[in-house]
Amino acid sequence: MINILYNAIRRFITRKEEQNQYSGGLWPRLVREEAAALFKGEASRMVELGCGEGLFLKKLAANNPGAEIYGIDSWPDILSAARKNLSSLANVRLLNENGLSTGREASSFFRCFCLNTTLNLASFDEVEKLIVEAYRILERRGTFVFDIRNAANPLINIQYRFARLYDKQIKVPLIAYTAGRIRSALERRGFALRRVHPVGFPRNRFAPAILFIAEKET
C-alpha cells in the first residue's frame, strides 16, 4: 500500500516529459533547473559527471548552443537512454567513464557539473574523490557546480531512513550531508566556495537540497 501511494505521488510531482525516467522527481528537477540557469550563452567546454539519461545536459545544451558539452557516466544502460534523449544535439558527446576517475586530461573544462549524484555515492570518501577529480579536470578559474541532499532537513532524514519500505526499486545508497562538511571538503581540496544556494522549500539552511558553486582558484 505504501509503495502504491509513493508511486502515485511521484507520478503527480514528475513532469510529463520526465515520467519513467530514472532521474525524474521533484527535487532532482529543481536542482537541474537551478543549475542550468547559472550559465547561458557560453562557448566554453563543459562536462557533467554522472549525467544519467541526459535530462540536465538537454537543458545545458539549450542554454549554451555554442558550448562543447560532455556527459560522463559509468552505467552503460543509462547512457543508451541518454543517447536517445540527446540524439538531436550535435554539441553533446557522451562517454562511458567513471566520474570519480575519468579519462579526461587535466584542465580540460571550464564548467563541471555533478547533479543528483552525491546522494547515491557509497560514502563521503567518494564525495571527496569526486571533488578531487572535478578540481583536476577544471581549468584555472573554472567552476564546479554540484548538490547534496541536506541532512539538516527533517523530511529528507525520514524519507531516506524508510525509503526501502516504499520504493522496492532502490539499489543504491541514499545519503544526506551537511553544508558545513561539504564546505570543509571543498576548501581542503583547493576550491573557493562562491555560492551556497538552497533548492526547494524552505529556501534556507533547512532546504531539502543545496547547490554549491565553487571555483578553482589556482
N, C-alpha and C. Protein backbone atom coordinates (compact mmCIF):
# COMPACT_ATOMS: atom_id res chain seq x y z
N MET A 1 0.82 -1.20 0.00
CA MET A 1 0.00 0.00 0.00
C MET A 1 0.86 1.27 0.00
N ILE A 2 1.90 1.28 0.84
CA ILE A 2 2.80 2.43 0.92
C ILE A 2 3.51 2.63 -0.42
N ASN A 3 3.92 1.51 -1.03
CA ASN A 3 4.60 1.57 -2.31
C ASN A 3 3.69 2.16 -3.39
N ILE A 4 2.42 1.77 -3.40
CA ILE A 4 1.45 2.28 -4.37
C ILE A 4 1.25 3.78 -4.18
N LEU A 5 1.12 4.22 -2.93
CA LEU A 5 0.94 5.64 -2.64
C LEU A 5 2.16 6.44 -3.07
N TYR A 6 3.35 5.91 -2.78
CA TYR A 6 4.59 6.60 -3.17
C TYR A 6 4.67 6.77 -4.69
N ASN A 7 4.39 5.72 -5.42
CA ASN A 7 4.45 5.79 -6.88
C ASN A 7 3.43 6.78 -7.44
N ALA A 8 2.26 6.85 -6.82
CA ALA A 8 1.24 7.80 -7.26
C ALA A 8 1.71 9.24 -7.04
N ILE A 9 2.29 9.50 -5.88
CA ILE A 9 2.80 10.84 -5.58
C ILE A 9 3.94 11.21 -6.52
N ARG A 10 4.83 10.25 -6.78
CA ARG A 10 5.95 10.52 -7.69
C ARG A 10 5.46 10.87 -9.09
N ARG A 11 4.46 10.14 -9.57
CA ARG A 11 3.90 10.45 -10.89
C ARG A 11 3.28 11.84 -10.91
N PHE A 12 2.63 12.22 -9.81
CA PHE A 12 1.95 13.50 -9.75
C PHE A 12 2.94 14.66 -9.79
N ILE A 13 4.08 14.54 -9.09
CA ILE A 13 5.03 15.65 -9.00
C ILE A 13 6.07 15.64 -10.11
N THR A 14 6.08 14.59 -10.94
CA THR A 14 7.05 14.49 -12.04
C THR A 14 6.42 14.99 -13.34
N ARG A 15 7.10 15.86 -14.01
CA ARG A 15 6.58 16.40 -15.26
C ARG A 15 6.45 15.31 -16.32
N LYS A 16 5.54 15.54 -17.25
CA LYS A 16 5.22 14.54 -18.26
C LYS A 16 6.44 14.08 -19.02
N GLU A 17 7.30 15.02 -19.42
CA GLU A 17 8.47 14.66 -20.22
C GLU A 17 9.53 13.88 -19.44
N GLU A 18 9.39 13.83 -18.10
CA GLU A 18 10.35 13.10 -17.28
C GLU A 18 9.75 11.85 -16.63
N GLN A 19 8.52 11.53 -16.99
CA GLN A 19 7.89 10.31 -16.47
C GLN A 19 8.69 9.09 -16.89
N ASN A 20 8.82 8.12 -15.99
CA ASN A 20 9.53 6.85 -16.24
C ASN A 20 11.02 7.03 -16.47
N GLN A 21 11.55 8.22 -16.15
CA GLN A 21 12.99 8.44 -16.22
C GLN A 21 13.58 8.15 -14.84
N TYR A 22 14.73 7.52 -14.81
CA TYR A 22 15.38 7.18 -13.54
C TYR A 22 15.61 8.42 -12.68
N SER A 23 15.94 9.54 -13.32
CA SER A 23 16.27 10.76 -12.58
C SER A 23 15.10 11.72 -12.47
N GLY A 24 13.87 11.22 -12.68
CA GLY A 24 12.70 12.07 -12.53
C GLY A 24 12.42 12.38 -11.07
N GLY A 25 11.41 13.22 -10.82
CA GLY A 25 11.06 13.58 -9.46
C GLY A 25 11.21 15.07 -9.23
N LEU A 26 10.60 15.56 -8.16
CA LEU A 26 10.55 16.99 -7.91
C LEU A 26 11.92 17.58 -7.59
N TRP A 27 12.58 17.06 -6.56
CA TRP A 27 13.84 17.67 -6.15
C TRP A 27 14.93 17.54 -7.20
N PRO A 28 15.08 16.38 -7.85
CA PRO A 28 16.06 16.31 -8.94
C PRO A 28 15.79 17.34 -10.04
N ARG A 29 14.51 17.54 -10.38
CA ARG A 29 14.18 18.52 -11.43
C ARG A 29 14.53 19.94 -10.98
N LEU A 30 14.21 20.29 -9.73
CA LEU A 30 14.52 21.63 -9.25
C LEU A 30 16.03 21.88 -9.24
N VAL A 31 16.80 20.88 -8.85
CA VAL A 31 18.26 21.01 -8.87
C VAL A 31 18.74 21.26 -10.30
N ARG A 32 18.23 20.49 -11.26
CA ARG A 32 18.64 20.68 -12.66
C ARG A 32 18.29 22.07 -13.16
N GLU A 33 17.09 22.53 -12.85
CA GLU A 33 16.65 23.84 -13.34
C GLU A 33 17.48 24.96 -12.75
N GLU A 34 17.77 24.89 -11.45
CA GLU A 34 18.57 25.93 -10.80
C GLU A 34 20.00 25.95 -11.36
N ALA A 35 20.57 24.77 -11.58
CA ALA A 35 21.94 24.70 -12.10
C ALA A 35 22.01 25.16 -13.55
N ALA A 36 21.03 24.79 -14.36
CA ALA A 36 21.03 25.16 -15.77
C ALA A 36 20.91 26.67 -15.95
N ALA A 37 20.26 27.34 -15.02
CA ALA A 37 20.05 28.78 -15.13
C ALA A 37 21.31 29.59 -14.81
N LEU A 38 22.34 28.95 -14.28
CA LEU A 38 23.54 29.67 -13.86
C LEU A 38 24.35 30.21 -15.03
N PHE A 39 24.38 29.48 -16.14
CA PHE A 39 25.23 29.85 -17.27
C PHE A 39 24.43 29.78 -18.56
N LYS A 40 24.45 30.87 -19.31
CA LYS A 40 23.73 30.92 -20.58
C LYS A 40 24.58 31.63 -21.63
N GLY A 41 24.50 31.14 -22.86
CA GLY A 41 25.18 31.78 -23.97
C GLY A 41 26.69 31.62 -23.97
N GLU A 42 27.20 30.60 -23.29
CA GLU A 42 28.64 30.39 -23.24
C GLU A 42 29.11 29.50 -24.39
N ALA A 43 30.40 29.64 -24.72
CA ALA A 43 31.00 28.80 -25.75
C ALA A 43 32.18 28.01 -25.17
N SER A 44 32.14 27.76 -23.88
CA SER A 44 33.22 27.06 -23.20
C SER A 44 33.04 25.55 -23.28
N ARG A 45 34.01 24.81 -22.74
CA ARG A 45 33.91 23.36 -22.65
C ARG A 45 33.31 23.00 -21.29
N MET A 46 32.27 22.17 -21.31
CA MET A 46 31.55 21.82 -20.10
C MET A 46 31.42 20.30 -19.99
N VAL A 47 31.29 19.81 -18.76
CA VAL A 47 31.12 18.38 -18.55
C VAL A 47 30.19 18.13 -17.38
N GLU A 48 29.37 17.10 -17.49
CA GLU A 48 28.59 16.63 -16.35
C GLU A 48 29.07 15.24 -15.97
N LEU A 49 29.46 15.08 -14.71
CA LEU A 49 29.87 13.79 -14.18
C LEU A 49 28.65 13.10 -13.60
N GLY A 50 28.36 11.88 -14.07
CA GLY A 50 27.14 11.20 -13.65
C GLY A 50 25.94 11.78 -14.36
N CYS A 51 25.99 11.79 -15.68
CA CYS A 51 24.97 12.51 -16.47
C CYS A 51 23.65 11.76 -16.59
N GLY A 52 23.60 10.48 -16.20
CA GLY A 52 22.34 9.74 -16.27
C GLY A 52 21.77 9.72 -17.67
N GLU A 53 20.45 9.89 -17.75
CA GLU A 53 19.79 9.82 -19.06
C GLU A 53 19.79 11.14 -19.80
N GLY A 54 20.57 12.12 -19.31
CA GLY A 54 20.79 13.34 -20.07
C GLY A 54 19.78 14.46 -19.85
N LEU A 55 18.98 14.41 -18.78
CA LEU A 55 17.97 15.43 -18.56
C LEU A 55 18.58 16.80 -18.34
N PHE A 56 19.69 16.86 -17.58
CA PHE A 56 20.35 18.15 -17.37
C PHE A 56 21.11 18.58 -18.62
N LEU A 57 21.79 17.66 -19.28
CA LEU A 57 22.55 18.01 -20.48
C LEU A 57 21.66 18.65 -21.53
N LYS A 58 20.43 18.20 -21.61
CA LYS A 58 19.49 18.76 -22.59
C LYS A 58 19.23 20.23 -22.29
N LYS A 59 19.04 20.56 -21.01
CA LYS A 59 18.83 21.95 -20.61
C LYS A 59 20.10 22.77 -20.83
N LEU A 60 21.24 22.18 -20.47
CA LEU A 60 22.51 22.89 -20.59
C LEU A 60 22.82 23.22 -22.05
N ALA A 61 22.59 22.26 -22.94
CA ALA A 61 22.84 22.48 -24.36
C ALA A 61 21.90 23.52 -24.95
N ALA A 62 20.65 23.54 -24.49
CA ALA A 62 19.69 24.54 -24.97
C ALA A 62 20.11 25.95 -24.56
N ASN A 63 20.66 26.08 -23.36
CA ASN A 63 21.09 27.39 -22.86
C ASN A 63 22.43 27.82 -23.44
N ASN A 64 23.23 26.86 -23.90
CA ASN A 64 24.59 27.17 -24.37
C ASN A 64 24.86 26.43 -25.69
N PRO A 65 24.18 26.80 -26.77
CA PRO A 65 24.32 26.07 -28.04
C PRO A 65 25.71 26.14 -28.64
N GLY A 66 26.51 27.14 -28.23
CA GLY A 66 27.87 27.25 -28.74
C GLY A 66 28.91 26.53 -27.91
N ALA A 67 28.49 25.89 -26.83
CA ALA A 67 29.42 25.20 -25.93
C ALA A 67 29.72 23.79 -26.45
N GLU A 68 30.88 23.28 -26.05
CA GLU A 68 31.26 21.89 -26.30
C GLU A 68 30.99 21.12 -25.00
N ILE A 69 30.00 20.24 -25.04
CA ILE A 69 29.48 19.64 -23.81
C ILE A 69 29.70 18.13 -23.79
N TYR A 70 30.18 17.63 -22.65
CA TYR A 70 30.42 16.21 -22.46
C TYR A 70 29.55 15.69 -21.31
N GLY A 71 29.07 14.47 -21.47
CA GLY A 71 28.36 13.78 -20.40
C GLY A 71 29.08 12.48 -20.10
N ILE A 72 29.37 12.25 -18.82
CA ILE A 72 30.13 11.06 -18.40
C ILE A 72 29.29 10.25 -17.41
N ASP A 73 29.20 8.95 -17.66
CA ASP A 73 28.51 8.05 -16.73
C ASP A 73 29.10 6.65 -16.87
N SER A 74 29.13 5.93 -15.76
CA SER A 74 29.70 4.57 -15.76
C SER A 74 28.66 3.49 -16.03
N TRP A 75 27.40 3.86 -16.16
CA TRP A 75 26.31 2.91 -16.33
C TRP A 75 25.92 2.85 -17.81
N PRO A 76 26.29 1.79 -18.52
CA PRO A 76 26.04 1.72 -19.97
C PRO A 76 24.56 1.83 -20.34
N ASP A 77 23.68 1.21 -19.56
CA ASP A 77 22.25 1.24 -19.89
C ASP A 77 21.68 2.65 -19.86
N ILE A 78 22.08 3.42 -18.86
CA ILE A 78 21.52 4.77 -18.76
C ILE A 78 22.14 5.69 -19.82
N LEU A 79 23.37 5.39 -20.23
CA LEU A 79 23.97 6.15 -21.34
C LEU A 79 23.24 5.88 -22.65
N SER A 80 22.75 4.67 -22.81
CA SER A 80 21.95 4.36 -24.00
C SER A 80 20.68 5.21 -24.03
N ALA A 81 20.06 5.37 -22.86
CA ALA A 81 18.88 6.24 -22.77
C ALA A 81 19.25 7.68 -23.08
N ALA A 82 20.43 8.11 -22.60
CA ALA A 82 20.88 9.48 -22.86
C ALA A 82 21.10 9.70 -24.35
N ARG A 83 21.66 8.71 -25.03
CA ARG A 83 21.89 8.85 -26.47
C ARG A 83 20.58 9.06 -27.23
N LYS A 84 19.54 8.37 -26.79
CA LYS A 84 18.22 8.55 -27.43
C LYS A 84 17.66 9.94 -27.11
N ASN A 85 17.78 10.36 -25.87
CA ASN A 85 17.23 11.65 -25.45
C ASN A 85 17.96 12.83 -26.09
N LEU A 86 19.25 12.64 -26.41
CA LEU A 86 20.07 13.76 -26.88
C LEU A 86 20.49 13.61 -28.34
N SER A 87 19.85 12.72 -29.07
CA SER A 87 20.28 12.41 -30.44
C SER A 87 20.26 13.62 -31.37
N SER A 88 19.45 14.62 -31.06
CA SER A 88 19.34 15.78 -31.94
C SER A 88 20.35 16.88 -31.61
N LEU A 89 21.16 16.68 -30.57
CA LEU A 89 22.10 17.72 -30.13
C LEU A 89 23.51 17.40 -30.61
N ALA A 90 24.00 18.21 -31.56
CA ALA A 90 25.31 17.95 -32.16
C ALA A 90 26.46 18.34 -31.25
N ASN A 91 26.21 19.19 -30.24
CA ASN A 91 27.31 19.67 -29.41
C ASN A 91 27.47 18.90 -28.10
N VAL A 92 26.80 17.74 -27.99
CA VAL A 92 26.92 16.92 -26.78
C VAL A 92 27.57 15.58 -27.12
N ARG A 93 28.59 15.22 -26.37
CA ARG A 93 29.29 13.94 -26.54
C ARG A 93 29.19 13.14 -25.24
N LEU A 94 28.82 11.87 -25.34
CA LEU A 94 28.65 11.02 -24.17
C LEU A 94 29.78 10.01 -24.07
N LEU A 95 30.26 9.80 -22.83
CA LEU A 95 31.40 8.92 -22.59
C LEU A 95 31.09 7.96 -21.45
N ASN A 96 31.44 6.68 -21.65
CA ASN A 96 31.26 5.66 -20.61
C ASN A 96 32.52 5.60 -19.76
N GLU A 97 32.55 6.42 -18.72
CA GLU A 97 33.70 6.51 -17.82
C GLU A 97 33.22 6.70 -16.39
N ASN A 98 34.11 6.47 -15.45
CA ASN A 98 33.81 6.66 -14.03
C ASN A 98 34.01 8.14 -13.68
N GLY A 99 32.96 8.79 -13.20
CA GLY A 99 33.05 10.20 -12.87
C GLY A 99 34.00 10.52 -11.73
N LEU A 100 34.38 9.53 -10.94
CA LEU A 100 35.32 9.74 -9.85
C LEU A 100 36.77 9.64 -10.31
N SER A 101 36.96 9.11 -11.52
CA SER A 101 38.31 8.97 -12.08
C SER A 101 38.17 8.85 -13.60
N THR A 102 37.99 9.98 -14.25
CA THR A 102 37.73 9.99 -15.68
C THR A 102 39.02 9.79 -16.47
N GLY A 103 38.84 9.60 -17.76
CA GLY A 103 39.99 9.53 -18.65
C GLY A 103 40.33 10.86 -19.29
N ARG A 104 39.73 11.95 -18.78
CA ARG A 104 39.96 13.27 -19.35
C ARG A 104 41.29 13.85 -18.88
N GLU A 105 41.92 14.67 -19.73
CA GLU A 105 43.17 15.31 -19.36
C GLU A 105 42.93 16.39 -18.32
N ALA A 106 43.97 16.71 -17.58
CA ALA A 106 43.88 17.79 -16.59
C ALA A 106 43.55 19.11 -17.28
N SER A 107 42.80 19.95 -16.59
CA SER A 107 42.44 21.29 -17.07
C SER A 107 41.72 21.26 -18.42
N SER A 108 40.80 20.31 -18.58
CA SER A 108 40.10 20.12 -19.86
C SER A 108 38.83 20.95 -19.99
N PHE A 109 38.24 21.39 -18.86
CA PHE A 109 36.91 22.00 -18.90
C PHE A 109 36.88 23.29 -18.08
N PHE A 110 35.94 24.17 -18.47
CA PHE A 110 35.76 25.42 -17.74
C PHE A 110 34.56 25.33 -16.79
N ARG A 111 33.60 24.46 -17.10
CA ARG A 111 32.46 24.22 -16.21
C ARG A 111 32.32 22.72 -15.97
N CYS A 112 32.19 22.35 -14.72
CA CYS A 112 31.98 20.94 -14.36
C CYS A 112 30.75 20.86 -13.46
N PHE A 113 29.84 19.93 -13.80
CA PHE A 113 28.61 19.75 -13.04
C PHE A 113 28.53 18.30 -12.54
N CYS A 114 27.91 18.13 -11.39
CA CYS A 114 27.58 16.79 -10.91
C CYS A 114 26.30 16.93 -10.09
N LEU A 115 25.18 16.52 -10.67
CA LEU A 115 23.87 16.81 -10.08
C LEU A 115 23.11 15.53 -9.73
N ASN A 116 22.45 15.56 -8.57
CA ASN A 116 21.63 14.44 -8.11
C ASN A 116 22.42 13.13 -8.06
N THR A 117 23.67 13.24 -7.67
CA THR A 117 24.57 12.08 -7.66
C THR A 117 25.17 11.79 -6.30
N THR A 118 25.53 12.82 -5.54
CA THR A 118 26.23 12.57 -4.26
C THR A 118 25.39 11.73 -3.32
N LEU A 119 24.07 11.83 -3.39
CA LEU A 119 23.21 11.04 -2.51
C LEU A 119 23.31 9.54 -2.78
N ASN A 120 23.79 9.17 -3.96
CA ASN A 120 23.90 7.75 -4.34
C ASN A 120 25.33 7.21 -4.28
N LEU A 121 26.30 8.06 -3.92
CA LEU A 121 27.67 7.58 -3.76
C LEU A 121 27.77 6.77 -2.47
N ALA A 122 28.70 5.82 -2.46
CA ALA A 122 28.75 4.85 -1.37
C ALA A 122 29.15 5.45 -0.03
N SER A 123 29.92 6.54 -0.04
CA SER A 123 30.43 7.10 1.21
C SER A 123 30.92 8.52 0.97
N PHE A 124 31.27 9.20 2.06
CA PHE A 124 31.82 10.55 1.93
C PHE A 124 33.19 10.51 1.28
N ASP A 125 33.91 9.41 1.43
CA ASP A 125 35.20 9.27 0.73
C ASP A 125 35.00 9.42 -0.78
N GLU A 126 33.91 8.88 -1.30
CA GLU A 126 33.65 9.00 -2.73
C GLU A 126 33.26 10.44 -3.11
N VAL A 127 32.57 11.13 -2.22
CA VAL A 127 32.27 12.55 -2.47
C VAL A 127 33.58 13.32 -2.58
N GLU A 128 34.53 13.02 -1.71
CA GLU A 128 35.84 13.70 -1.77
C GLU A 128 36.59 13.34 -3.05
N LYS A 129 36.49 12.09 -3.49
CA LYS A 129 37.12 11.71 -4.76
C LYS A 129 36.50 12.49 -5.92
N LEU A 130 35.19 12.70 -5.86
CA LEU A 130 34.51 13.49 -6.88
C LEU A 130 35.05 14.91 -6.91
N ILE A 131 35.21 15.51 -5.74
CA ILE A 131 35.73 16.87 -5.65
C ILE A 131 37.16 16.94 -6.21
N VAL A 132 37.97 15.96 -5.87
CA VAL A 132 39.36 15.91 -6.36
C VAL A 132 39.39 15.80 -7.89
N GLU A 133 38.54 14.95 -8.45
CA GLU A 133 38.53 14.77 -9.90
C GLU A 133 38.02 16.02 -10.60
N ALA A 134 37.00 16.66 -10.04
CA ALA A 134 36.50 17.91 -10.62
C ALA A 134 37.60 18.97 -10.64
N TYR A 135 38.35 19.06 -9.55
CA TYR A 135 39.45 20.02 -9.49
C TYR A 135 40.49 19.72 -10.56
N ARG A 136 40.80 18.45 -10.74
CA ARG A 136 41.84 18.05 -11.70
C ARG A 136 41.46 18.41 -13.13
N ILE A 137 40.22 18.17 -13.52
CA ILE A 137 39.84 18.36 -14.93
C ILE A 137 39.41 19.79 -15.25
N LEU A 138 39.29 20.64 -14.22
CA LEU A 138 38.90 22.02 -14.47
C LEU A 138 40.11 22.90 -14.78
N GLU A 139 39.88 23.89 -15.64
CA GLU A 139 40.86 24.93 -15.87
C GLU A 139 40.94 25.85 -14.65
N ARG A 140 42.00 26.65 -14.58
CA ARG A 140 42.08 27.67 -13.55
C ARG A 140 40.92 28.65 -13.72
N ARG A 141 40.29 29.00 -12.63
CA ARG A 141 39.08 29.83 -12.58
C ARG A 141 37.84 29.11 -13.10
N GLY A 142 37.97 27.82 -13.34
CA GLY A 142 36.81 27.04 -13.75
C GLY A 142 35.87 26.81 -12.58
N THR A 143 34.63 26.46 -12.90
CA THR A 143 33.56 26.36 -11.90
C THR A 143 33.08 24.93 -11.74
N PHE A 144 32.92 24.52 -10.50
CA PHE A 144 32.35 23.21 -10.16
C PHE A 144 30.99 23.45 -9.50
N VAL A 145 29.95 22.87 -10.08
CA VAL A 145 28.59 23.01 -9.58
C VAL A 145 28.06 21.63 -9.22
N PHE A 146 27.69 21.42 -7.96
CA PHE A 146 27.13 20.13 -7.57
C PHE A 146 26.19 20.33 -6.38
N ASP A 147 25.46 19.29 -6.04
CA ASP A 147 24.46 19.41 -4.99
C ASP A 147 24.55 18.26 -4.00
N ILE A 148 23.92 18.47 -2.86
CA ILE A 148 23.72 17.41 -1.87
C ILE A 148 22.26 17.41 -1.45
N ARG A 149 21.79 16.30 -0.90
CA ARG A 149 20.56 16.31 -0.14
C ARG A 149 20.95 16.70 1.28
N ASN A 150 20.17 17.57 1.87
CA ASN A 150 20.55 18.27 3.08
C ASN A 150 20.17 17.50 4.34
N ALA A 151 21.16 17.11 5.11
CA ALA A 151 20.92 16.36 6.34
C ALA A 151 20.22 17.19 7.40
N ALA A 152 20.20 18.52 7.24
CA ALA A 152 19.52 19.38 8.20
C ALA A 152 18.01 19.42 7.97
N ASN A 153 17.54 18.84 6.87
CA ASN A 153 16.11 18.82 6.56
C ASN A 153 15.47 17.58 7.17
N PRO A 154 14.53 17.71 8.10
CA PRO A 154 13.94 16.54 8.77
C PRO A 154 13.24 15.59 7.80
N LEU A 155 12.59 16.12 6.78
CA LEU A 155 11.87 15.28 5.83
C LEU A 155 12.82 14.37 5.05
N ILE A 156 13.97 14.92 4.69
CA ILE A 156 14.98 14.12 3.99
C ILE A 156 15.42 12.95 4.86
N ASN A 157 15.67 13.23 6.12
CA ASN A 157 16.11 12.16 7.03
C ASN A 157 15.06 11.06 7.16
N ILE A 158 13.80 11.43 7.28
CA ILE A 158 12.73 10.44 7.38
C ILE A 158 12.61 9.66 6.07
N GLN A 159 12.61 10.38 4.96
CA GLN A 159 12.47 9.74 3.65
C GLN A 159 13.57 8.72 3.40
N TYR A 160 14.80 9.09 3.68
CA TYR A 160 15.92 8.19 3.40
C TYR A 160 15.97 7.01 4.35
N ARG A 161 15.56 7.22 5.59
CA ARG A 161 15.59 6.13 6.58
C ARG A 161 14.61 5.01 6.22
N PHE A 162 13.45 5.41 5.66
CA PHE A 162 12.41 4.42 5.38
C PHE A 162 12.21 4.17 3.88
N ALA A 163 13.15 4.63 3.06
CA ALA A 163 12.97 4.57 1.60
C ALA A 163 12.69 3.17 1.08
N ARG A 164 13.37 2.19 1.63
CA ARG A 164 13.22 0.84 1.08
C ARG A 164 11.90 0.18 1.47
N LEU A 165 11.16 0.82 2.36
CA LEU A 165 9.83 0.31 2.69
C LEU A 165 8.80 0.67 1.62
N TYR A 166 9.01 1.80 0.94
CA TYR A 166 8.03 2.26 -0.05
C TYR A 166 8.54 2.23 -1.48
N ASP A 167 9.85 2.06 -1.67
CA ASP A 167 10.40 2.00 -3.03
C ASP A 167 11.29 0.77 -3.15
N LYS A 168 10.73 -0.30 -3.69
CA LYS A 168 11.45 -1.57 -3.77
C LYS A 168 12.52 -1.56 -4.87
N GLN A 169 12.54 -0.50 -5.70
CA GLN A 169 13.49 -0.45 -6.81
C GLN A 169 14.85 0.14 -6.40
N ILE A 170 14.94 0.69 -5.20
CA ILE A 170 16.18 1.35 -4.78
C ILE A 170 17.28 0.31 -4.58
N LYS A 171 18.39 0.51 -5.29
CA LYS A 171 19.52 -0.41 -5.18
C LYS A 171 20.82 0.35 -4.91
N VAL A 172 20.72 1.63 -4.59
CA VAL A 172 21.89 2.47 -4.33
C VAL A 172 21.73 3.13 -2.97
N PRO A 173 22.83 3.64 -2.40
CA PRO A 173 22.71 4.35 -1.12
C PRO A 173 21.87 5.61 -1.26
N LEU A 174 21.29 6.05 -0.17
CA LEU A 174 20.63 7.35 -0.09
C LEU A 174 21.24 8.06 1.11
N ILE A 175 22.12 9.02 0.84
CA ILE A 175 22.89 9.64 1.91
C ILE A 175 22.79 11.16 1.81
N ALA A 176 22.47 11.81 2.92
CA ALA A 176 22.43 13.26 3.00
C ALA A 176 23.66 13.76 3.77
N TYR A 177 24.06 14.99 3.47
CA TYR A 177 25.24 15.58 4.11
C TYR A 177 24.90 16.98 4.61
N THR A 178 25.73 17.49 5.49
CA THR A 178 25.56 18.87 5.96
C THR A 178 26.36 19.81 5.08
N ALA A 179 25.90 21.05 4.98
CA ALA A 179 26.60 22.05 4.18
C ALA A 179 28.00 22.32 4.72
N GLY A 180 28.14 22.30 6.05
CA GLY A 180 29.44 22.56 6.64
C GLY A 180 30.48 21.52 6.26
N ARG A 181 30.07 20.27 6.21
CA ARG A 181 31.01 19.21 5.85
C ARG A 181 31.47 19.35 4.40
N ILE A 182 30.55 19.73 3.53
CA ILE A 182 30.90 19.93 2.12
C ILE A 182 31.81 21.14 1.96
N ARG A 183 31.50 22.21 2.65
CA ARG A 183 32.34 23.41 2.60
C ARG A 183 33.79 23.08 2.97
N SER A 184 33.97 22.34 4.05
CA SER A 184 35.31 21.96 4.50
C SER A 184 36.03 21.12 3.47
N ALA A 185 35.32 20.18 2.85
CA ALA A 185 35.93 19.32 1.83
C ALA A 185 36.37 20.13 0.62
N LEU A 186 35.56 21.06 0.18
CA LEU A 186 35.92 21.92 -0.96
C LEU A 186 37.16 22.74 -0.65
N GLU A 187 37.22 23.32 0.52
CA GLU A 187 38.35 24.16 0.89
C GLU A 187 39.63 23.35 1.03
N ARG A 188 39.53 22.12 1.57
CA ARG A 188 40.71 21.26 1.69
C ARG A 188 41.29 20.91 0.34
N ARG A 189 40.43 20.79 -0.66
CA ARG A 189 40.88 20.35 -1.99
C ARG A 189 41.21 21.50 -2.92
N GLY A 190 41.20 22.74 -2.41
CA GLY A 190 41.68 23.87 -3.21
C GLY A 190 40.61 24.71 -3.88
N PHE A 191 39.34 24.42 -3.63
CA PHE A 191 38.27 25.23 -4.21
C PHE A 191 37.94 26.42 -3.32
N ALA A 192 37.49 27.50 -3.96
CA ALA A 192 36.92 28.63 -3.24
C ALA A 192 35.41 28.57 -3.43
N LEU A 193 34.68 28.52 -2.35
CA LEU A 193 33.23 28.42 -2.43
C LEU A 193 32.66 29.80 -2.74
N ARG A 194 32.00 29.93 -3.88
CA ARG A 194 31.46 31.22 -4.32
C ARG A 194 30.00 31.41 -3.92
N ARG A 195 29.26 30.31 -3.80
CA ARG A 195 27.84 30.46 -3.50
C ARG A 195 27.28 29.15 -2.95
N VAL A 196 26.43 29.27 -1.95
CA VAL A 196 25.66 28.14 -1.42
C VAL A 196 24.19 28.47 -1.66
N HIS A 197 23.53 27.65 -2.48
CA HIS A 197 22.21 28.00 -2.97
C HIS A 197 21.18 26.96 -2.54
N PRO A 198 20.27 27.30 -1.61
CA PRO A 198 19.23 26.36 -1.20
C PRO A 198 18.26 26.08 -2.36
N VAL A 199 17.83 24.83 -2.48
CA VAL A 199 16.90 24.43 -3.53
C VAL A 199 15.69 23.77 -2.89
N GLY A 200 14.50 24.19 -3.31
CA GLY A 200 13.27 23.66 -2.73
C GLY A 200 12.78 24.52 -1.58
N PHE A 201 11.80 24.01 -0.87
CA PHE A 201 11.20 24.76 0.25
C PHE A 201 11.47 24.04 1.56
N PRO A 202 11.90 24.79 2.59
CA PRO A 202 12.12 26.24 2.64
C PRO A 202 13.46 26.62 2.01
N ARG A 203 13.57 27.83 1.49
CA ARG A 203 14.80 28.27 0.84
C ARG A 203 15.74 28.89 1.88
N ASN A 204 16.19 28.05 2.78
CA ASN A 204 17.13 28.48 3.82
C ASN A 204 18.00 27.28 4.16
N ARG A 205 18.62 27.28 5.32
CA ARG A 205 19.56 26.21 5.65
C ARG A 205 18.87 24.86 5.85
N PHE A 206 17.54 24.85 5.89
CA PHE A 206 16.80 23.60 6.03
C PHE A 206 16.23 23.11 4.69
N ALA A 207 16.64 23.71 3.58
CA ALA A 207 16.17 23.30 2.25
C ALA A 207 16.46 21.82 2.01
N PRO A 208 15.63 21.12 1.25
CA PRO A 208 15.87 19.69 1.00
C PRO A 208 17.14 19.42 0.21
N ALA A 209 17.51 20.34 -0.66
CA ALA A 209 18.75 20.19 -1.44
C ALA A 209 19.53 21.49 -1.39
N ILE A 210 20.84 21.38 -1.53
CA ILE A 210 21.71 22.56 -1.53
C ILE A 210 22.65 22.45 -2.73
N LEU A 211 22.72 23.53 -3.49
CA LEU A 211 23.59 23.61 -4.66
C LEU A 211 24.83 24.41 -4.27
N PHE A 212 26.01 23.88 -4.61
CA PHE A 212 27.27 24.54 -4.33
C PHE A 212 27.90 25.00 -5.64
N ILE A 213 28.39 26.23 -5.66
CA ILE A 213 29.11 26.77 -6.81
C ILE A 213 30.50 27.14 -6.31
N ALA A 214 31.50 26.41 -6.77
CA ALA A 214 32.87 26.60 -6.29
C ALA A 214 33.80 26.88 -7.46
N GLU A 215 34.89 27.57 -7.19
CA GLU A 215 35.83 27.98 -8.24
C GLU A 215 37.23 27.44 -7.94
N LYS A 216 37.88 26.94 -9.00
CA LYS A 216 39.27 26.50 -8.89
C LYS A 216 40.16 27.74 -8.98
N GLU A 217 40.76 28.12 -7.90
CA GLU A 217 41.50 29.39 -7.87
C GLU A 217 42.87 29.30 -8.54
N THR A 218 43.56 28.17 -8.41
CA THR A 218 44.91 28.10 -8.96
C THR A 218 45.07 26.88 -9.85
